[in-house]
Amino acid sequence: QVQLVESGGGLVTAGGSLRLSCAASGRTFNSYGIGWFRQAPGKEREFVAGITWSGRSTYYADSVNGRFTISRDNAKNTVYLQMNSLKPDDTAVYYCAADRKRTTVVVTTLGEYDYWGQGTQVTVSS
């Protein structure tokens, strides 16, 4: 089992940047694919970005492709989401999730993830 804790959220003006962190407990962190999801008020939780357990593959939602970058540091049991050129539409609670299936492609389906963090709020003002 793995426990996930997100951090790095906050208030930023449009065009600014934030880096979110997803810190995981457990010695098998490098066996998990990690995904970032977000949920805005009144909307469903949606996939944002993901990275496979090996780190060899990443995948992004069209809405963030080219602006966000996901990476992992297995020595620190941490996955990062660098968010640049932020827009008001990026405002949401951001969650990281872990998938234990060791796939070679990024899992984008919410229901396929096994463990979830509590989320961190990102607010982008115009």
Foldseek 3Di string as FASTA:
>chain_A
DKAWAKDWADEAAAQAKIKMKIAMDDPVLLQWKKWKWWDDPPGDIFTAKIAASPRPDIDGDPVQPPFWDWGDDSVRRMIMIIGGRDDQVVWTWMKMFIANPRDPYTDGDPVRTDYIYPTDTHGYHD
